[in-house]
């Protein structure tokens, strides 16, 4: 599970990719009442993703933000708007290292289709990899590293950012149809200036609700970095044909 930006840009995919469909509903809240002027924001969005098997361990994933709503109140001046986009295209190759360990490498492109942007576009690429290991009968440890490079083009000027991302999680299988996870996600702004983007502990749960349907919940609470979001909540609904 992931989601750290437009569509799934910066979200390290599952190592064991399979043909499936996914709907993600996500919300974020910020209340900064201690600033010189009150500042608050609310975000709600919906993302659709489809993943298709090209070969035995090769998958192609297409995702897009089909609905985004943002409300911002800055010192009593409020603004809000609804938008759609952007999207991403991801190619992933998985590898079986041992009977208990799997790895994957992937490349992702950010598709510059975004109705919220006027007079500019955002595109970019991402390269990364993940690792998944079984630790006994009930535990799974996974995570990964990625290098994202979003590019903003405004008024003919190009502004490139380099942002490494790291994710580590541990999953506890309660029964064959249910599992809990805890972990941390880190994003660093490496260029043009170096600073911690966000440090986000996360808790989640995943449940198979029917033979081919599953749902998951994810709560993230940024604790450090220049991302001032107070809390992020995600609800996932997936289908495996």
C-alpha atoms as a PDB file:
ATOM      1  CA  UNK A   1       0.000   0.000   0.000  1.00  0.00           C
ATOM      2  CA  UNK A   2       1.202   3.431  -0.743  1.00  0.00           C
ATOM      3  CA  UNK A   3       0.460   6.826  -2.010  1.00  0.00           C
ATOM      4  CA  UNK A   4       2.780   9.753  -1.551  1.00  0.00           C
ATOM      5  CA  UNK A   5       1.882  12.098  -4.366  1.00  0.00           C
ATOM      6  CA  UNK A   6       0.034  12.328  -7.659  1.00  0.00           C
ATOM      7  CA  UNK A   7      -1.483   8.961  -8.544  1.00  0.00           C
ATOM      8  CA  UNK A   8       1.090   6.449  -7.218  1.00  0.00           C
ATOM      9  CA  UNK A   9       4.230   8.501  -8.003  1.00  0.00           C
ATOM     10  CA  UNK A  10       6.699   7.844  -5.183  1.00  0.00           C
ATOM     11  CA  UNK A  11       4.703   4.900  -3.809  1.00  0.00           C
ATOM     12  CA  UNK A  12       6.857   1.756  -3.896  1.00  0.00           C
ATOM     13  CA  UNK A  13       4.740  -1.029  -5.458  1.00  0.00           C
ATOM     14  CA  UNK A  14       4.251  -4.494  -4.060  1.00  0.00           C
ATOM     15  CA  UNK A  15       7.040  -6.875  -5.017  1.00  0.00           C
ATOM     16  CA  UNK A  16       4.651  -9.675  -5.953  1.00  0.00           C
ATOM     17  CA  UNK A  17       2.712  -7.930  -8.706  1.00  0.00           C
ATOM     18  CA  UNK A  18      -0.242  -9.696 -10.315  1.00  0.00           C
ATOM     19  CA  UNK A  19      -3.075  -8.775 -12.626  1.00  0.00           C
ATOM     20  CA  UNK A  20      -5.539  -6.800 -10.504  1.00  0.00           C
ATOM     21  CA  UNK A  21      -7.594  -3.647 -10.122  1.00  0.00           C
ATOM     22  CA  UNK A  22      -7.486  -1.102  -7.315  1.00  0.00           C
ATOM     23  CA  UNK A  23      -9.520   1.858  -6.085  1.00  0.00           C
ATOM     24  CA  UNK A  24      -7.868   4.122  -3.496  1.00  0.00           C
ATOM     25  CA  UNK A  25      -9.740   6.765  -1.504  1.00  0.00           C
ATOM     26  CA  UNK A  26      -7.391   9.096   0.346  1.00  0.00           C
ATOM     27  CA  UNK A  27      -7.770  12.095   2.630  1.00  0.00           C
ATOM     28  CA  UNK A  28      -5.332  14.458   4.355  1.00  0.00           C
ATOM     29  CA  UNK A  29      -5.840  17.097   7.045  1.00  0.00           C
ATOM     30  CA  UNK A  30      -3.690  20.014   8.225  1.00  0.00           C
ATOM     31  CA  UNK A  31      -4.578  22.413  11.035  1.00  0.00           C
ATOM     32  CA  UNK A  32      -1.792  24.924  11.760  1.00  0.00           C
ATOM     33  CA  UNK A  33      -3.494  27.215  14.277  1.00  0.00           C
ATOM     34  CA  UNK A  34      -0.205  28.181  15.982  1.00  0.00           C
ATOM     35  CA  UNK A  35       1.129  29.992  12.896  1.00  0.00           C
ATOM     36  CA  UNK A  36       1.004  33.821  12.855  1.00  0.00           C
ATOM     37  CA  UNK A  37      -2.094  33.473  10.678  1.00  0.00           C
ATOM     38  CA  UNK A  38      -4.354  30.458  10.890  1.00  0.00           C
ATOM     39  CA  UNK A  39      -3.739  27.933   8.105  1.00  0.00           C
ATOM     40  CA  UNK A  40      -5.669  24.777   7.404  1.00  0.00           C
ATOM     41  CA  UNK A  41      -6.244  22.440   4.484  1.00  0.00           C
ATOM     42  CA  UNK A  42      -8.351  19.411   3.603  1.00  0.00           C
ATOM     43  CA  UNK A  43      -7.634  17.034   0.728  1.00  0.00           C
ATOM     44  CA  UNK A  44      -9.788  14.195  -0.589  1.00  0.00           C
ATOM     45  CA  UNK A  45      -9.016  12.124  -3.655  1.00  0.00           C
ATOM     46  CA  UNK A  46      -9.748   8.926  -5.550  1.00  0.00           C
ATOM     47  CA  UNK A  47      -7.205   6.934  -7.579  1.00  0.00           C
ATOM     48  CA  UNK A  48      -7.847   4.082 -10.010  1.00  0.00           C
ATOM     49  CA  UNK A  49      -5.139   1.560 -10.883  1.00  0.00           C
ATOM     50  CA  UNK A  50      -5.016  -1.423 -13.177  1.00  0.00           C
ATOM     51  CA  UNK A  51      -2.130  -3.909 -13.235  1.00  0.00           C
ATOM     52  CA  UNK A  52      -1.635  -6.319 -16.106  1.00  0.00           C
ATOM     53  CA  UNK A  53       0.690  -9.314 -16.385  1.00  0.00           C
ATOM     54  CA  UNK A  54       2.902  -9.121 -19.497  1.00  0.00           C
ATOM     55  CA  UNK A  55       5.025 -12.186 -18.714  1.00  0.00           C
ATOM     56  CA  UNK A  56       5.551 -14.617 -15.839  1.00  0.00           C
ATOM     57  CA  UNK A  57       7.119 -11.967 -13.569  1.00  0.00           C
ATOM     58  CA  UNK A  58       6.616  -8.792 -15.589  1.00  0.00           C
ATOM     59  CA  UNK A  59       3.687  -6.417 -14.984  1.00  0.00           C
ATOM     60  CA  UNK A  60       2.469  -3.108 -16.407  1.00  0.00           C
ATOM     61  CA  UNK A  61       0.567  -0.770 -14.089  1.00  0.00           C
ATOM     62  CA  UNK A  62      -1.519   2.263 -15.105  1.00  0.00           C
ATOM     63  CA  UNK A  63      -2.870   4.627 -12.445  1.00  0.00           C
ATOM     64  CA  UNK A  64      -4.637   7.994 -12.437  1.00  0.00           C
ATOM     65  CA  UNK A  65      -6.163  10.388  -9.946  1.00  0.00           C
ATOM     66  CA  UNK A  66      -9.740  10.578 -11.230  1.00  0.00           C
ATOM     67  CA  UNK A  67     -10.952  12.993  -8.531  1.00  0.00           C
ATOM     68  CA  UNK A  68      -9.127  15.472  -6.271  1.00  0.00           C
ATOM     69  CA  UNK A  69     -10.740  18.026  -3.963  1.00  0.00           C
ATOM     70  CA  UNK A  70      -8.714  20.600  -2.037  1.00  0.00           C
ATOM     71  CA  UNK A  71      -9.909  23.194   0.485  1.00  0.00           C
ATOM     72  CA  UNK A  72      -7.422  25.725   1.873  1.00  0.00           C
ATOM     73  CA  UNK A  73      -8.052  28.388   4.517  1.00  0.00           C
ATOM     74  CA  UNK A  74      -5.157  30.823   4.906  1.00  0.00           C
ATOM     75  CA  UNK A  75      -5.804  33.499   7.520  1.00  0.00           C
ATOM     76  CA  UNK A  76      -9.521  33.543   6.736  1.00  0.00           C
ATOM     77  CA  UNK A  77      -9.051  33.536   2.954  1.00  0.00           C
ATOM     78  CA  UNK A  78     -10.565  30.291   1.695  1.00  0.00           C
ATOM     79  CA  UNK A  79     -10.198  28.581  -1.660  1.00  0.00           C
ATOM     80  CA  UNK A  80     -11.283  25.215  -2.983  1.00  0.00           C
ATOM     81  CA  UNK A  81     -11.370  23.303  -6.225  1.00  0.00           C
ATOM     82  CA  UNK A  82     -11.926  19.961  -7.927  1.00  0.00           C
ATOM     83  CA  UNK A  83      -9.483  18.458 -10.425  1.00  0.00           C
ATOM     84  CA  UNK A  84      -8.395  15.207 -12.085  1.00  0.00           C
ATOM     85  CA  UNK A  85      -4.974  13.796 -12.946  1.00  0.00           C
ATOM     86  CA  UNK A  86      -2.137  13.244 -13.323  1.00  0.00           C
ATOM     87  CA  UNK A  87      -1.450   9.610 -14.115  1.00  0.00           C
ATOM     88  CA  UNK A  88       1.448   7.162 -14.074  1.00  0.00           C
ATOM     89  CA  UNK A  89       2.652   4.190 -16.102  1.00  0.00           C
ATOM     90  CA  UNK A  90       4.833   1.615 -14.302  1.00  0.00           C
ATOM     91  CA  UNK A  91       6.781  -1.371 -15.637  1.00  0.00           C
ATOM     92  CA  UNK A  92       7.904  -3.867 -12.978  1.00  0.00           C
ATOM     93  CA  UNK A  93      10.102  -6.964 -13.154  1.00  0.00           C
ATOM     94  CA  UNK A  94      10.109  -9.391 -10.222  1.00  0.00           C
ATOM     95  CA  UNK A  95      12.813 -11.912  -9.264  1.00  0.00           C
ATOM     96  CA  UNK A  96      12.757 -14.970  -6.979  1.00  0.00           C
ATOM     97  CA  UNK A  97      15.986 -14.861  -4.953  1.00  0.00           C
ATOM     98  CA  UNK A  98      15.236 -17.767  -2.602  1.00  0.00           C
ATOM     99  CA  UNK A  99      12.200 -19.736  -1.519  1.00  0.00           C
ATOM    100  CA  UNK A 100      11.530 -17.078   1.149  1.00  0.00           C
ATOM    101  CA  UNK A 101      12.756 -13.909  -0.573  1.00  0.00           C
ATOM    102  CA  UNK A 102      11.580 -12.022  -3.641  1.00  0.00           C
ATOM    103  CA  UNK A 103      12.785  -8.766  -5.195  1.00  0.00           C
ATOM    104  CA  UNK A 104      11.609  -6.439  -7.937  1.00  0.00           C
ATOM    105  CA  UNK A 105      12.839  -3.506  -9.994  1.00  0.00           C
ATOM    106  CA  UNK A 106      10.576  -0.962 -11.645  1.00  0.00           C
ATOM    107  CA  UNK A 107      10.499   2.180 -13.772  1.00  0.00           C
ATOM    108  CA  UNK A 108       7.643   4.685 -13.639  1.00  0.00           C
ATOM    109  CA  UNK A 109       6.719   7.697 -15.766  1.00  0.00           C
ATOM    110  CA  UNK A 110       4.506  10.581 -14.636  1.00  0.00           C
ATOM    111  CA  UNK A 111       1.957  11.439 -17.347  1.00  0.00           C
ATOM    112  CA  UNK A 112       1.477  15.244 -17.574  1.00  0.00           C
ATOM    113  CA  UNK A 113      -2.328  15.345 -17.622  1.00  0.00           C
ATOM    114  CA  UNK A 114      -3.649  17.483 -14.749  1.00  0.00           C
ATOM    115  CA  UNK A 115      -6.722  19.729 -14.882  1.00  0.00           C
ATOM    116  CA  UNK A 116      -5.595  21.612 -11.746  1.00  0.00           C
ATOM    117  CA  UNK A 117      -2.579  23.105 -13.546  1.00  0.00           C
ATOM    118  CA  UNK A 118      -2.911  26.156 -15.761  1.00  0.00           C
ATOM    119  CA  UNK A 119       0.017  27.484 -17.767  1.00  0.00           C
ATOM    120  CA  UNK A 120       2.290  24.593 -16.851  1.00  0.00           C
ATOM    121  CA  UNK A 121       2.721  20.827 -16.680  1.00  0.00           C
ATOM    122  CA  UNK A 122       4.398  18.322 -14.385  1.00  0.00           C
ATOM    123  CA  UNK A 123       6.081  15.196 -15.665  1.00  0.00           C
ATOM    124  CA  UNK A 124       9.035  13.085 -14.540  1.00  0.00           C
ATOM    125  CA  UNK A 125      10.344   9.598 -13.952  1.00  0.00           C
ATOM    126  CA  UNK A 126      11.023   7.212 -11.089  1.00  0.00           C
ATOM    127  CA  UNK A 127      13.380   4.255 -10.695  1.00  0.00           C
ATOM    128  CA  UNK A 128      13.217   1.889  -7.756  1.00  0.00           C
ATOM    129  CA  UNK A 129      13.233  -1.584  -6.327  1.00  0.00           C
ATOM    130  CA  UNK A 130      11.679  -3.611  -3.556  1.00  0.00           C
ATOM    131  CA  UNK A 131      12.372  -6.659  -1.395  1.00  0.00           C
ATOM    132  CA  UNK A 132      10.011  -9.051   0.365  1.00  0.00           C
ATOM    133  CA  UNK A 133      11.067 -11.705   2.896  1.00  0.00           C
ATOM    134  CA  UNK A 134       9.142 -14.234   4.944  1.00  0.00           C
ATOM    135  CA  UNK A 135      10.187 -14.315   8.584  1.00  0.00           C
ATOM    136  CA  UNK A 136       8.505 -17.376   9.999  1.00  0.00           C
ATOM    137  CA  UNK A 137       4.993 -18.609   9.403  1.00  0.00           C
ATOM    138  CA  UNK A 138       3.171 -15.369  10.251  1.00  0.00           C
ATOM    139  CA  UNK A 139       5.568 -12.484   9.519  1.00  0.00           C
ATOM    140  CA  UNK A 140       6.516 -10.793   6.250  1.00  0.00           C
ATOM    141  CA  UNK A 141       9.036  -7.944   6.031  1.00  0.00           C
ATOM    142  CA  UNK A 142       9.081  -5.771   2.930  1.00  0.00           C
ATOM    143  CA  UNK A 143      10.201  -2.379   1.688  1.00  0.00           C
ATOM    144  CA  UNK A 144      12.166  -0.646  -0.989  1.00  0.00           C
ATOM    145  CA  UNK A 145      14.100   2.325  -2.282  1.00  0.00           C
ATOM    146  CA  UNK A 146      13.218   4.704  -5.106  1.00  0.00           C
ATOM    147  CA  UNK A 147      14.570   7.804  -6.782  1.00  0.00           C
ATOM    148  CA  UNK A 148      11.880  10.161  -8.076  1.00  0.00           C
ATOM    149  CA  UNK A 149      12.574  13.102 -10.365  1.00  0.00           C
ATOM    150  CA  UNK A 150       9.452  15.253 -10.917  1.00  0.00           C
ATOM    151  CA  UNK A 151       9.859  18.020 -13.498  1.00  0.00           C
ATOM    152  CA  UNK A 152       7.694  21.177 -13.482  1.00  0.00           C
ATOM    153  CA  UNK A 153       7.553  23.207 -16.693  1.00  0.00           C
ATOM    154  CA  UNK A 154       6.040  26.669 -16.187  1.00  0.00           C
ATOM    155  CA  UNK A 155       6.341  29.537 -18.637  1.00  0.00           C
ATOM    156  CA  UNK A 156       9.029  27.716 -20.554  1.00  0.00           C
ATOM    157  CA  UNK A 157      11.151  27.306 -17.412  1.00  0.00           C
ATOM    158  CA  UNK A 158      12.057  23.807 -16.217  1.00  0.00           C
ATOM    159  CA  UNK A 159      12.301  23.040 -12.499  1.00  0.00           C
ATOM    160  CA  UNK A 160      13.620  19.568 -11.674  1.00  0.00           C
ATOM    161  CA  UNK A 161      13.466  18.059  -8.179  1.00  0.00           C
ATOM    162  CA  UNK A 162      15.285  14.925  -7.030  1.00  0.00           C
ATOM    163  CA  UNK A 163      13.566  13.092  -4.189  1.00  0.00           C
ATOM    164  CA  UNK A 164      14.794   9.716  -2.831  1.00  0.00           C
ATOM    165  CA  UNK A 165      12.117   7.627  -1.096  1.00  0.00           C
ATOM    166  CA  UNK A 166      12.460   4.680   1.315  1.00  0.00           C
ATOM    167  CA  UNK A 167       9.806   2.378   2.772  1.00  0.00           C
ATOM    168  CA  UNK A 168      10.044  -0.371   5.415  1.00  0.00           C
ATOM    169  CA  UNK A 169       7.110  -2.447   6.670  1.00  0.00           C
ATOM    170  CA  UNK A 170       6.402  -5.561   8.724  1.00  0.00           C
ATOM    171  CA  UNK A 171       3.215  -7.574   8.198  1.00  0.00           C
ATOM    172  CA  UNK A 172       1.648  -9.895  10.768  1.00  0.00           C
ATOM    173  CA  UNK A 173      -0.738 -12.470   9.348  1.00  0.00           C
ATOM    174  CA  UNK A 174      -3.555 -12.966  11.844  1.00  0.00           C
ATOM    175  CA  UNK A 175      -5.269 -15.566   9.684  1.00  0.00           C
ATOM    176  CA  UNK A 176      -5.231 -16.458   5.960  1.00  0.00           C
ATOM    177  CA  UNK A 177      -7.668 -13.623   5.146  1.00  0.00           C
ATOM    178  CA  UNK A 178      -6.402 -10.819   7.428  1.00  0.00           C
ATOM    179  CA  UNK A 179      -3.107  -9.088   8.241  1.00  0.00           C
ATOM    180  CA  UNK A 180      -1.816  -6.024  10.105  1.00  0.00           C
ATOM    181  CA  UNK A 181       1.182  -3.892   9.163  1.00  0.00           C
ATOM    182  CA  UNK A 182       3.371  -1.209  10.681  1.00  0.00           C
ATOM    183  CA  UNK A 183       6.201   0.711   9.108  1.00  0.00           C
ATOM    184  CA  UNK A 184       7.736   4.015   8.147  1.00  0.00           C
ATOM    185  CA  UNK A 185       8.057   5.979   4.916  1.00  0.00           C
ATOM    186  CA  UNK A 186      10.821   8.566   4.367  1.00  0.00           C
ATOM    187  CA  UNK A 187      11.154  11.128   1.583  1.00  0.00           C
ATOM    188  CA  UNK A 188      14.199  13.384   1.180  1.00  0.00           C
ATOM    189  CA  UNK A 189      14.391  16.489  -0.991  1.00  0.00           C
ATOM    190  CA  UNK A 190      17.903  16.039  -2.413  1.00  0.00           C
ATOM    191  CA  UNK A 191      17.914  18.780  -5.096  1.00  0.00           C
ATOM    192  CA  UNK A 192      17.858  21.680  -5.783  1.00  0.00           C
ATOM    193  CA  UNK A 193      18.131  22.011  -1.974  1.00  0.00           C
ATOM    194  CA  UNK A 194      18.764  19.235   0.537  1.00  0.00           C
ATOM    195  CA  UNK A 195      16.229  18.778   3.335  1.00  0.00           C
ATOM    196  CA  UNK A 196      13.998  16.163   4.897  1.00  0.00           C
ATOM    197  CA  UNK A 197      10.722  16.065   3.023  1.00  0.00           C
ATOM    198  CA  UNK A 198       8.744  13.878   5.389  1.00  0.00           C
ATOM    199  CA  UNK A 199       9.099  11.073   7.930  1.00  0.00           C
ATOM    200  CA  UNK A 200       5.838   9.138   8.187  1.00  0.00           C
ATOM    201  CA  UNK A 201       5.072   6.239  10.544  1.00  0.00           C
ATOM    202  CA  UNK A 202       2.158   4.153   9.229  1.00  0.00           C
ATOM    203  CA  UNK A 203      -0.295   1.533  10.464  1.00  0.00           C
ATOM    204  CA  UNK A 204      -2.573  -0.530   8.286  1.00  0.00           C
ATOM    205  CA  UNK A 205      -4.724  -3.623   7.882  1.00  0.00           C
ATOM    206  CA  UNK A 206      -5.715  -5.773   4.918  1.00  0.00           C
ATOM    207  CA  UNK A 207      -8.658  -8.172   4.739  1.00  0.00           C
ATOM    208  CA  UNK A 208      -9.959 -10.518   2.046  1.00  0.00           C
ATOM    209  CA  UNK A 209     -13.711  -9.856   2.004  1.00  0.00           C
ATOM    210  CA  UNK A 210     -14.602 -12.323  -0.751  1.00  0.00           C
ATOM    211  CA  UNK A 211     -12.762 -14.861  -2.869  1.00  0.00           C
ATOM    212  CA  UNK A 212     -11.396 -12.226  -5.278  1.00  0.00           C
ATOM    213  CA  UNK A 213     -12.006  -8.985  -3.379  1.00  0.00           C
ATOM    214  CA  UNK A 214      -9.899  -7.373  -0.667  1.00  0.00           C
ATOM    215  CA  UNK A 215      -9.966  -4.125   1.293  1.00  0.00           C
ATOM    216  CA  UNK A 216      -7.288  -2.297   3.253  1.00  0.00           C
ATOM    217  CA  UNK A 217      -6.957   0.684   5.577  1.00  0.00           C
ATOM    218  CA  UNK A 218      -3.906   2.862   6.111  1.00  0.00           C
ATOM    219  CA  UNK A 219      -3.232   5.666   8.617  1.00  0.00           C
ATOM    220  CA  UNK A 220      -0.103   7.830   8.229  1.00  0.00           C
ATOM    221  CA  UNK A 221       1.053  10.564  10.636  1.00  0.00           C
ATOM    222  CA  UNK A 222       3.972  12.741   9.432  1.00  0.00           C
ATOM    223  CA  UNK A 223       6.258  13.511  12.388  1.00  0.00           C
ATOM    224  CA  UNK A 224       9.158  15.413  10.785  1.00  0.00           C
ATOM    225  CA  UNK A 225      10.129  17.264   7.620  1.00  0.00           C
ATOM    226  CA  UNK A 226       8.732  20.183   5.667  1.00  0.00           C
ATOM    227  CA  UNK A 227       5.419  18.392   5.018  1.00  0.00           C
ATOM    228  CA  UNK A 228       3.116  19.897   7.657  1.00  0.00           C
ATOM    229  CA  UNK A 229       0.215  17.494   7.087  1.00  0.00           C
ATOM    230  CA  UNK A 230      -1.241  16.295  10.399  1.00  0.00           C
ATOM    231  CA  UNK A 231      -2.783  12.990   9.338  1.00  0.00           C
ATOM    232  CA  UNK A 232      -3.377  10.995   6.129  1.00  0.00           C
ATOM    233  CA  UNK A 233      -5.982   8.238   5.844  1.00  0.00           C
ATOM    234  CA  UNK A 234      -6.411   5.775   2.995  1.00  0.00           C
ATOM    235  CA  UNK A 235      -9.114   3.250   2.115  1.00  0.00           C
ATOM    236  CA  UNK A 236      -8.373   0.647  -0.576  1.00  0.00           C
ATOM    237  CA  UNK A 237     -10.611  -1.738  -2.487  1.00  0.00           C
ATOM    238  CA  UNK A 238      -8.971  -4.292  -4.783  1.00  0.00           C
ATOM    239  CA  UNK A 239      -9.992  -7.081  -7.135  1.00  0.00           C
ATOM    240  CA  UNK A 240      -7.883 -10.018  -8.319  1.00  0.00           C
ATOM    241  CA  UNK A 241      -9.358 -11.776 -11.380  1.00  0.00           C
END
